[in-house]
């Protein structure tokens, strides 16, 4: 199984948006955008519904409280502590 397939499977199995709890329109959201180094693997994504995913892309959703420790550590590994904190508490760049 590819890392991306495993990431999508993780979100599907979780079955609900981590922000609002909706089961409708789930999408696989990158914790750190791929354009700045985010990876296509399970610890680099979280499930968000379409509405919450859009808010995250508009920099209006703080995702730090929604992440597991493994997801937080992966974000720090990819972009460093200061940048990860800035991205995750302000909804991204």
Protein backbone atom coordinates (compact mmCIF):
# COMPACT_ATOMS: atom_id res chain seq x y z
CA UNK A 1 0.00 0.00 0.00
CA UNK A 2 1.39 3.41 -0.94
CA UNK A 3 1.87 6.06 1.75
CA UNK A 4 -0.84 8.23 0.13
CA UNK A 5 -3.30 5.32 0.03
CA UNK A 6 -2.58 4.74 3.71
CA UNK A 7 -3.16 8.44 4.45
CA UNK A 8 -6.52 8.46 2.67
CA UNK A 9 -7.48 5.21 4.43
CA UNK A 10 -6.63 6.77 7.82
CA UNK A 11 -8.99 9.68 7.15
CA UNK A 12 -11.74 7.41 5.82
CA UNK A 13 -11.47 5.13 8.86
CA UNK A 14 -11.62 8.07 11.26
CA UNK A 15 -14.94 8.82 9.63
CA UNK A 16 -15.58 12.36 10.81
CA UNK A 17 -14.24 15.88 10.53
CA UNK A 18 -11.79 16.57 13.34
CA UNK A 19 -13.04 20.13 13.63
CA UNK A 20 -16.85 19.95 13.54
CA UNK A 21 -17.52 16.21 13.68
CA UNK A 22 -19.46 16.07 10.40
CA UNK A 23 -19.47 12.78 8.53
CA UNK A 24 -20.42 14.45 5.23
CA UNK A 25 -17.98 15.54 2.53
CA UNK A 26 -14.82 14.30 4.25
CA UNK A 27 -11.55 15.27 2.62
CA UNK A 28 -7.94 14.44 3.31
CA UNK A 29 -6.28 17.69 4.43
CA UNK A 30 -2.52 18.15 4.54
CA UNK A 31 -1.27 19.43 7.91
CA UNK A 32 1.61 21.20 6.11
CA UNK A 33 0.90 22.20 2.51
CA UNK A 34 2.69 20.07 -0.06
CA UNK A 35 3.98 23.25 -1.70
CA UNK A 36 6.19 23.89 1.35
CA UNK A 37 7.25 20.32 2.04
CA UNK A 38 4.20 18.51 3.39
CA UNK A 39 4.29 14.80 2.71
CA UNK A 40 1.78 12.31 1.38
CA UNK A 41 1.71 9.95 4.36
CA UNK A 42 -0.67 9.19 7.24
CA UNK A 43 0.98 11.42 9.86
CA UNK A 44 0.84 14.36 7.44
CA UNK A 45 -2.94 14.51 6.98
CA UNK A 46 -6.17 14.83 8.93
CA UNK A 47 -9.81 14.40 7.96
CA UNK A 48 -11.79 17.61 7.50
CA UNK A 49 -15.19 18.13 5.93
CA UNK A 50 -15.39 20.28 2.81
CA UNK A 51 -16.45 23.38 4.81
CA UNK A 52 -13.68 23.09 7.42
CA UNK A 53 -11.08 22.24 4.77
CA UNK A 54 -12.05 25.43 2.93
CA UNK A 55 -11.70 27.44 6.18
CA UNK A 56 -8.23 25.94 6.65
CA UNK A 57 -7.23 26.97 3.13
CA UNK A 58 -8.57 30.48 3.81
CA UNK A 59 -6.32 30.66 6.93
CA UNK A 60 -9.38 30.85 9.19
CA UNK A 61 -9.04 27.51 11.01
CA UNK A 62 -6.45 26.83 13.69
CA UNK A 63 -5.59 23.17 13.34
CA UNK A 64 -3.01 22.72 16.11
CA UNK A 65 -5.64 21.63 18.68
CA UNK A 66 -6.98 19.06 16.19
CA UNK A 67 -3.70 17.21 15.67
CA UNK A 68 -2.34 14.09 17.31
CA UNK A 69 1.15 14.21 18.77
CA UNK A 70 2.52 12.25 15.77
CA UNK A 71 0.98 14.78 13.38
CA UNK A 72 2.45 17.69 15.34
CA UNK A 73 5.90 16.08 15.39
CA UNK A 74 5.76 15.45 11.63
CA UNK A 75 4.92 19.12 11.02
CA UNK A 76 7.89 20.20 13.16
CA UNK A 77 10.14 17.72 11.34
CA UNK A 78 9.11 19.12 7.94
CA UNK A 79 9.26 22.89 8.59
CA UNK A 80 10.83 23.39 12.02
CA UNK A 81 9.25 24.32 15.34
CA UNK A 82 8.71 28.06 14.87
CA UNK A 83 7.25 27.76 11.38
CA UNK A 84 5.07 24.77 12.29
CA UNK A 85 3.64 26.69 15.24
CA UNK A 86 2.93 29.72 13.05
CA UNK A 87 1.29 27.60 10.35
CA UNK A 88 -0.81 25.49 12.68
CA UNK A 89 -2.09 28.34 14.83
CA UNK A 90 -2.90 30.76 12.02
CA UNK A 91 -4.39 28.31 9.54
CA UNK A 92 -1.42 28.19 7.20
CA UNK A 93 0.47 30.57 4.94
